[in-house]
Amino acid sequence: MKKNMNFETALSQLENIVEHLENGVDDLDKIVKLFEEGTSLIKYCEEKLVNVENKVEILTEKLNNKIEKNRGSDD
């Protein structure tokens, strides 16, 4: 897995792996390889989502603080 991959690319690759596995794979080594790739992609996507969630929380908090500050100056 590439380090500079974006979330959408990783998710697309994960979807392809799932589809491939659902359609059936006869080679046990290939199944294990796909499973390993899939778990790596899941971890990567989860880390990206947590990072974005944290950023959204910080931005929301900053926005709420700004709103509260503006309300206080209206008095």
PDB file of N, CA and C in Angstrom:
ATOM      1  N   MET A   1       0.840  -1.187   0.000  1.00  0.00           N
ATOM      2  CA  MET A   1       0.000   0.000   0.000  1.00  0.00           C
ATOM      3  C   MET A   1       0.877   1.240   0.000  1.00  0.00           C
ATOM      4  N   LYS A   2       0.523   2.196  -0.835  1.00  0.00           N
ATOM      5  CA  LYS A   2       1.296   3.428  -0.946  1.00  0.00           C
ATOM      6  C   LYS A   2       0.965   4.359   0.213  1.00  0.00           C
ATOM      7  N   LYS A   3       1.991   5.021   0.744  1.00  0.00           N
ATOM      8  CA  LYS A   3       1.806   5.942   1.867  1.00  0.00           C
ATOM      9  C   LYS A   3       1.064   7.206   1.457  1.00  0.00           C
ATOM     10  N   ASN A   4       1.211   7.630   0.211  1.00  0.00           N
ATOM     11  CA  ASN A   4       0.605   8.886  -0.224  1.00  0.00           C
ATOM     12  C   ASN A   4      -0.779   8.676  -0.862  1.00  0.00           C
ATOM     13  N   MET A   5      -1.364   7.514  -0.644  1.00  0.00           N
ATOM     14  CA  MET A   5      -2.672   7.191  -1.199  1.00  0.00           C
ATOM     15  C   MET A   5      -3.746   8.025  -0.494  1.00  0.00           C
ATOM     16  N   ASN A   6      -4.750   8.452  -1.244  1.00  0.00           N
ATOM     17  CA  ASN A   6      -5.836   9.181  -0.599  1.00  0.00           C
ATOM     18  C   ASN A   6      -6.924   8.195  -0.165  1.00  0.00           C
ATOM     19  N   PHE A   7      -7.848   8.697   0.635  1.00  0.00           N
ATOM     20  CA  PHE A   7      -8.898   7.859   1.207  1.00  0.00           C
ATOM     21  C   PHE A   7      -9.735   7.189   0.123  1.00  0.00           C
ATOM     22  N   GLU A   8     -10.116   7.944  -0.875  1.00  0.00           N
ATOM     23  CA  GLU A   8     -10.986   7.417  -1.922  1.00  0.00           C
ATOM     24  C   GLU A   8     -10.337   6.263  -2.690  1.00  0.00           C
ATOM     25  N   THR A   9      -9.043   6.408  -2.960  1.00  0.00           N
ATOM     26  CA  THR A   9      -8.317   5.345  -3.660  1.00  0.00           C
ATOM     27  C   THR A   9      -8.233   4.094  -2.797  1.00  0.00           C
ATOM     28  N   ALA A  10      -7.927   4.283  -1.515  1.00  0.00           N
ATOM     29  CA  ALA A  10      -7.836   3.150  -0.597  1.00  0.00           C
ATOM     30  C   ALA A  10      -9.179   2.447  -0.481  1.00  0.00           C
ATOM     31  N   LEU A  11     -10.254   3.217  -0.373  1.00  0.00           N
ATOM     32  CA  LEU A  11     -11.589   2.633  -0.260  1.00  0.00           C
ATOM     33  C   LEU A  11     -11.956   1.875  -1.535  1.00  0.00           C
ATOM     34  N   SER A  12     -11.615   2.420  -2.682  1.00  0.00           N
ATOM     35  CA  SER A  12     -11.882   1.756  -3.947  1.00  0.00           C
ATOM     36  C   SER A  12     -11.123   0.433  -4.042  1.00  0.00           C
ATOM     37  N   GLN A  13      -9.873   0.439  -3.632  1.00  0.00           N
ATOM     38  CA  GLN A  13      -9.084  -0.795  -3.640  1.00  0.00           C
ATOM     39  C   GLN A  13      -9.678  -1.827  -2.688  1.00  0.00           C
ATOM     40  N   LEU A  14     -10.136  -1.353  -1.530  1.00  0.00           N
ATOM     41  CA  LEU A  14     -10.754  -2.253  -0.560  1.00  0.00           C
ATOM     42  C   LEU A  14     -12.032  -2.866  -1.135  1.00  0.00           C
ATOM     43  N   GLU A  15     -12.831  -2.062  -1.796  1.00  0.00           N
ATOM     44  CA  GLU A  15     -14.051  -2.569  -2.429  1.00  0.00           C
ATOM     45  C   GLU A  15     -13.724  -3.616  -3.494  1.00  0.00           C
ATOM     46  N   ASN A  16     -12.663  -3.384  -4.260  1.00  0.00           N
ATOM     47  CA  ASN A  16     -12.248  -4.361  -5.275  1.00  0.00           C
ATOM     48  C   ASN A  16     -11.817  -5.675  -4.640  1.00  0.00           C
ATOM     49  N   ILE A  17     -11.108  -5.585  -3.526  1.00  0.00           N
ATOM     50  CA  ILE A  17     -10.670  -6.799  -2.824  1.00  0.00           C
ATOM     51  C   ILE A  17     -11.872  -7.578  -2.319  1.00  0.00           C
ATOM     52  N   VAL A  18     -12.819  -6.880  -1.707  1.00  0.00           N
ATOM     53  CA  VAL A  18     -14.019  -7.539  -1.192  1.00  0.00           C
ATOM     54  C   VAL A  18     -14.780  -8.208  -2.321  1.00  0.00           C
ATOM     55  N   GLU A  19     -14.952  -7.499  -3.416  1.00  0.00           N
ATOM     56  CA  GLU A  19     -15.659  -8.065  -4.570  1.00  0.00           C
ATOM     57  C   GLU A  19     -14.941  -9.309  -5.082  1.00  0.00           C
ATOM     58  N   HIS A  20     -13.629  -9.221  -5.164  1.00  0.00           N
ATOM     59  CA  HIS A  20     -12.819 -10.349  -5.644  1.00  0.00           C
ATOM     60  C   HIS A  20     -13.001 -11.560  -4.731  1.00  0.00           C
ATOM     61  N   LEU A  21     -12.949 -11.320  -3.424  1.00  0.00           N
ATOM     62  CA  LEU A  21     -13.100 -12.413  -2.464  1.00  0.00           C
ATOM     63  C   LEU A  21     -14.520 -12.985  -2.489  1.00  0.00           C
ATOM     64  N   GLU A  22     -15.520 -12.126  -2.658  1.00  0.00           N
ATOM     65  CA  GLU A  22     -16.904 -12.594  -2.711  1.00  0.00           C
ATOM     66  C   GLU A  22     -17.173 -13.442  -3.945  1.00  0.00           C
ATOM     67  N   ASN A  23     -16.467 -13.156  -5.021  1.00  0.00           N
ATOM     68  CA  ASN A  23     -16.636 -13.926  -6.254  1.00  0.00           C
ATOM     69  C   ASN A  23     -15.915 -15.261  -6.199  1.00  0.00           C
ATOM     70  N   GLY A  24     -15.104 -15.436  -5.197  1.00  0.00           N
ATOM     71  CA  GLY A  24     -14.419 -16.709  -5.006  1.00  0.00           C
ATOM     72  C   GLY A  24     -13.007 -16.701  -5.549  1.00  0.00           C
ATOM     73  N   VAL A  25     -12.112 -17.192  -4.733  1.00  0.00           N
ATOM     74  CA  VAL A  25     -10.707 -17.323  -5.111  1.00  0.00           C
ATOM     75  C   VAL A  25     -10.293 -18.747  -4.753  1.00  0.00           C
ATOM     76  N   ASP A  26      -9.691 -19.435  -5.698  1.00  0.00           N
ATOM     77  CA  ASP A  26      -9.326 -20.836  -5.482  1.00  0.00           C
ATOM     78  C   ASP A  26      -7.970 -21.004  -4.807  1.00  0.00           C
ATOM     79  N   ASP A  27      -7.130 -20.017  -4.917  1.00  0.00           N
ATOM     80  CA  ASP A  27      -5.766 -20.121  -4.415  1.00  0.00           C
ATOM     81  C   ASP A  27      -5.681 -19.577  -2.989  1.00  0.00           C
ATOM     82  N   LEU A  28      -5.362 -20.440  -2.060  1.00  0.00           N
ATOM     83  CA  LEU A  28      -5.291 -20.050  -0.644  1.00  0.00           C
ATOM     84  C   LEU A  28      -4.277 -18.942  -0.414  1.00  0.00           C
ATOM     85  N   ASP A  29      -3.129 -19.001  -1.067  1.00  0.00           N
ATOM     86  CA  ASP A  29      -2.122 -17.953  -0.914  1.00  0.00           C
ATOM     87  C   ASP A  29      -2.650 -16.603  -1.383  1.00  0.00           C
ATOM     88  N   LYS A  30      -3.410 -16.617  -2.474  1.00  0.00           N
ATOM     89  CA  LYS A  30      -4.005 -15.375  -2.987  1.00  0.00           C
ATOM     90  C   LYS A  30      -5.042 -14.831  -2.006  1.00  0.00           C
ATOM     91  N   ILE A  31      -5.830 -15.713  -1.401  1.00  0.00           N
ATOM     92  CA  ILE A  31      -6.815 -15.293  -0.403  1.00  0.00           C
ATOM     93  C   ILE A  31      -6.120 -14.611   0.764  1.00  0.00           C
ATOM     94  N   VAL A  32      -5.059 -15.209   1.243  1.00  0.00           N
ATOM     95  CA  VAL A  32      -4.323 -14.643   2.381  1.00  0.00           C
ATOM     96  C   VAL A  32      -3.728 -13.288   2.001  1.00  0.00           C
ATOM     97  N   LYS A  33      -3.153 -13.199   0.808  1.00  0.00           N
ATOM     98  CA  LYS A  33      -2.577 -11.932   0.353  1.00  0.00           C
ATOM     99  C   LYS A  33      -3.642 -10.844   0.257  1.00  0.00           C
ATOM    100  N   LEU A  34      -4.787 -11.164  -0.323  1.00  0.00           N
ATOM    101  CA  LEU A  34      -5.877 -10.196  -0.437  1.00  0.00           C
ATOM    102  C   LEU A  34      -6.392  -9.789   0.945  1.00  0.00           C
ATOM    103  N   PHE A  35      -6.488 -10.752   1.844  1.00  0.00           N
ATOM    104  CA  PHE A  35      -6.937 -10.458   3.199  1.00  0.00           C
ATOM    105  C   PHE A  35      -5.966  -9.509   3.900  1.00  0.00           C
ATOM    106  N   GLU A  36      -4.679  -9.754   3.747  1.00  0.00           N
ATOM    107  CA  GLU A  36      -3.656  -8.869   4.343  1.00  0.00           C
ATOM    108  C   GLU A  36      -3.756  -7.460   3.765  1.00  0.00           C
ATOM    109  N   GLU A  37      -3.890  -7.379   2.451  1.00  0.00           N
ATOM    110  CA  GLU A  37      -4.028  -6.066   1.808  1.00  0.00           C
ATOM    111  C   GLU A  37      -5.291  -5.364   2.311  1.00  0.00           C
ATOM    112  N   GLY A  38      -6.362  -6.112   2.421  1.00  0.00           N
ATOM    113  CA  GLY A  38      -7.618  -5.554   2.893  1.00  0.00           C
ATOM    114  C   GLY A  38      -7.528  -5.023   4.311  1.00  0.00           C
ATOM    115  N   THR A  39      -6.897  -5.776   5.194  1.00  0.00           N
ATOM    116  CA  THR A  39      -6.777  -5.314   6.581  1.00  0.00           C
ATOM    117  C   THR A  39      -5.894  -4.071   6.666  1.00  0.00           C
ATOM    118  N   SER A  40      -4.871  -3.992   5.849  1.00  0.00           N
ATOM    119  CA  SER A  40      -4.027  -2.790   5.814  1.00  0.00           C
ATOM    120  C   SER A  40      -4.826  -1.580   5.323  1.00  0.00           C
ATOM    121  N   LEU A  41      -5.642  -1.792   4.310  1.00  0.00           N
ATOM    122  CA  LEU A  41      -6.466  -0.710   3.783  1.00  0.00           C
ATOM    123  C   LEU A  41      -7.517  -0.258   4.796  1.00  0.00           C
ATOM    124  N   ILE A  42      -8.095  -1.212   5.514  1.00  0.00           N
ATOM    125  CA  ILE A  42      -9.068  -0.866   6.557  1.00  0.00           C
ATOM    126  C   ILE A  42      -8.409  -0.005   7.621  1.00  0.00           C
ATOM    127  N   LYS A  43      -7.230  -0.396   8.049  1.00  0.00           N
ATOM    128  CA  LYS A  43      -6.509   0.371   9.072  1.00  0.00           C
ATOM    129  C   LYS A  43      -6.210   1.781   8.569  1.00  0.00           C
ATOM    130  N   TYR A  44      -5.749   1.885   7.337  1.00  0.00           N
ATOM    131  CA  TYR A  44      -5.435   3.180   6.747  1.00  0.00           C
ATOM    132  C   TYR A  44      -6.681   4.068   6.679  1.00  0.00           C
ATOM    133  N   CYS A  45      -7.787   3.507   6.198  1.00  0.00           N
ATOM    134  CA  CYS A  45      -9.026   4.276   6.083  1.00  0.00           C
ATOM    135  C   CYS A  45      -9.525   4.712   7.459  1.00  0.00           C
ATOM    136  N   GLU A  46      -9.440   3.820   8.415  1.00  0.00           N
ATOM    137  CA  GLU A  46      -9.882   4.153   9.772  1.00  0.00           C
ATOM    138  C   GLU A  46      -9.053   5.297  10.349  1.00  0.00           C
ATOM    139  N   GLU A  47      -7.738   5.251  10.143  1.00  0.00           N
ATOM    140  CA  GLU A  47      -6.868   6.324  10.628  1.00  0.00           C
ATOM    141  C   GLU A  47      -7.210   7.654   9.953  1.00  0.00           C
ATOM    142  N   LYS A  48      -7.464   7.607   8.659  1.00  0.00           N
ATOM    143  CA  LYS A  48      -7.846   8.821   7.930  1.00  0.00           C
ATOM    144  C   LYS A  48      -9.154   9.386   8.479  1.00  0.00           C
ATOM    145  N   LEU A  49     -10.136   8.518   8.702  1.00  0.00           N
ATOM    146  CA  LEU A  49     -11.433   8.974   9.209  1.00  0.00           C
ATOM    147  C   LEU A  49     -11.312   9.576  10.609  1.00  0.00           C
ATOM    148  N   VAL A  50     -10.521   8.958  11.462  1.00  0.00           N
ATOM    149  CA  VAL A  50     -10.315   9.488  12.814  1.00  0.00           C
ATOM    150  C   VAL A  50      -9.649  10.852  12.733  1.00  0.00           C
ATOM    151  N   ASN A  51      -8.671  10.991  11.863  1.00  0.00           N
ATOM    152  CA  ASN A  51      -7.977  12.261  11.679  1.00  0.00           C
ATOM    153  C   ASN A  51      -8.944  13.353  11.225  1.00  0.00           C
ATOM    154  N   VAL A  52      -9.778  13.032  10.251  1.00  0.00           N
ATOM    155  CA  VAL A  52     -10.749  14.003   9.750  1.00  0.00           C
ATOM    156  C   VAL A  52     -11.771  14.335  10.841  1.00  0.00           C
ATOM    157  N   GLU A  53     -12.207  13.340  11.570  1.00  0.00           N
ATOM    158  CA  GLU A  53     -13.159  13.568  12.659  1.00  0.00           C
ATOM    159  C   GLU A  53     -12.577  14.521  13.699  1.00  0.00           C
ATOM    160  N   ASN A  54     -11.315  14.318  14.046  1.00  0.00           N
ATOM    161  CA  ASN A  54     -10.652  15.203  15.005  1.00  0.00           C
ATOM    162  C   ASN A  54     -10.573  16.635  14.475  1.00  0.00           C
ATOM    163  N   LYS A  55     -10.260  16.789  13.207  1.00  0.00           N
ATOM    164  CA  LYS A  55     -10.194  18.123  12.604  1.00  0.00           C
ATOM    165  C   LYS A  55     -11.557  18.804  12.631  1.00  0.00           C
ATOM    166  N   VAL A  56     -12.600  18.043  12.314  1.00  0.00           N
ATOM    167  CA  VAL A  56     -13.956  18.602  12.324  1.00  0.00           C
ATOM    168  C   VAL A  56     -14.341  19.031  13.741  1.00  0.00           C
ATOM    169  N   GLU A  57     -13.995  18.226  14.727  1.00  0.00           N
ATOM    170  CA  GLU A  57     -14.289  18.583  16.121  1.00  0.00           C
ATOM    171  C   GLU A  57     -13.570  19.868  16.518  1.00  0.00           C
ATOM    172  N   ILE A  58     -12.317  20.006  16.136  1.00  0.00           N
ATOM    173  CA  ILE A  58     -11.550  21.211  16.456  1.00  0.00           C
ATOM    174  C   ILE A  58     -12.160  22.429  15.773  1.00  0.00           C
ATOM    175  N   LEU A  59     -12.487  22.298  14.494  1.00  0.00           N
ATOM    176  CA  LEU A  59     -13.087  23.412  13.764  1.00  0.00           C
ATOM    177  C   LEU A  59     -14.452  23.788  14.333  1.00  0.00           C
ATOM    178  N   THR A  60     -15.230  22.795  14.711  1.00  0.00           N
ATOM    179  CA  THR A  60     -16.537  23.056  15.303  1.00  0.00           C
ATOM    180  C   THR A  60     -16.389  23.779  16.630  1.00  0.00           C
ATOM    181  N   GLU A  61     -15.431  23.353  17.422  1.00  0.00           N
ATOM    182  CA  GLU A  61     -15.181  24.002  18.709  1.00  0.00           C
ATOM    183  C   GLU A  61     -14.743  25.452  18.509  1.00  0.00           C
ATOM    184  N   LYS A  62     -13.867  25.677  17.548  1.00  0.00           N
ATOM    185  CA  LYS A  62     -13.422  27.046  17.260  1.00  0.00           C
ATOM    186  C   LYS A  62     -14.600  27.908  16.805  1.00  0.00           C
ATOM    187  N   LEU A  63     -15.440  27.353  15.958  1.00  0.00           N
ATOM    188  CA  LEU A  63     -16.602  28.083  15.478  1.00  0.00           C
ATOM    189  C   LEU A  63     -17.558  28.406  16.623  1.00  0.00           C
ATOM    190  N   ASN A  64     -17.813  27.424  17.481  1.00  0.00           N
ATOM    191  CA  ASN A  64     -18.687  27.659  18.631  1.00  0.00           C
ATOM    192  C   ASN A  64     -18.120  28.716  19.563  1.00  0.00           C
ATOM    193  N   ASN A  65     -16.814  28.696  19.781  1.00  0.00           N
ATOM    194  CA  ASN A  65     -16.173  29.713  20.622  1.00  0.00           C
ATOM    195  C   ASN A  65     -16.316  31.097  20.006  1.00  0.00           C
ATOM    196  N   LYS A  66     -16.158  31.172  18.705  1.00  0.00           N
ATOM    197  CA  LYS A  66     -16.294  32.451  18.012  1.00  0.00           C
ATOM    198  C   LYS A  66     -17.728  32.969  18.108  1.00  0.00           C
ATOM    199  N   ILE A  67     -18.690  32.074  17.954  1.00  0.00           N
ATOM    200  CA  ILE A  67     -20.095  32.461  18.061  1.00  0.00           C
ATOM    201  C   ILE A  67     -20.390  32.967  19.470  1.00  0.00           C
ATOM    202  N   GLU A  68     -19.904  32.249  20.467  1.00  0.00           N
ATOM    203  CA  GLU A  68     -20.122  32.642  21.852  1.00  0.00           C
ATOM    204  C   GLU A  68     -19.458  33.995  22.133  1.00  0.00           C
ATOM    205  N   LYS A  69     -18.280  34.190  21.608  1.00  0.00           N
ATOM    206  CA  LYS A  69     -17.566  35.463  21.795  1.00  0.00           C
ATOM    207  C   LYS A  69     -18.358  36.607  21.165  1.00  0.00           C
ATOM    208  N   ASN A  70     -18.897  36.368  19.969  1.00  0.00           N
ATOM    209  CA  ASN A  70     -19.697  37.394  19.283  1.00  0.00           C
ATOM    210  C   ASN A  70     -20.989  37.684  20.031  1.00  0.00           C
ATOM    211  N   ARG A  71     -21.593  36.672  20.611  1.00  0.00           N
ATOM    212  CA  ARG A  71     -22.807  36.875  21.404  1.00  0.00           C
ATOM    213  C   ARG A  71     -22.506  37.705  22.632  1.00  0.00           C
ATOM    214  N   GLY A  72     -21.353  37.464  23.233  1.00  0.00           N
ATOM    215  CA  GLY A  72     -20.946  38.215  24.419  1.00  0.00           C
ATOM    216  C   GLY A  72     -20.698  39.666  24.118  1.00  0.00           C
ATOM    217  N   SER A  73     -20.232  39.979  22.918  1.00  0.00           N
ATOM    218  CA  SER A  73     -19.963  41.378  22.568  1.00  0.00           C
ATOM    219  C   SER A  73     -21.224  42.109  22.143  1.00  0.00           C
ATOM    220  N   ASP A  74     -22.318  41.373  21.924  1.00  0.00           N
ATOM    221  CA  ASP A  74     -23.592  42.005  21.560  1.00  0.00           C
ATOM    222  C   ASP A  74     -24.300  42.616  22.755  1.00  0.00           C
ATOM    223  N   ASP A  75     -23.907  42.224  23.968  1.00  0.00           N
ATOM    224  CA  ASP A  75     -24.569  42.719  25.176  1.00  0.00           C
ATOM    225  C   ASP A  75     -24.391  44.176  25.398  1.00  0.00           C
TER     226      ASP A  75
END
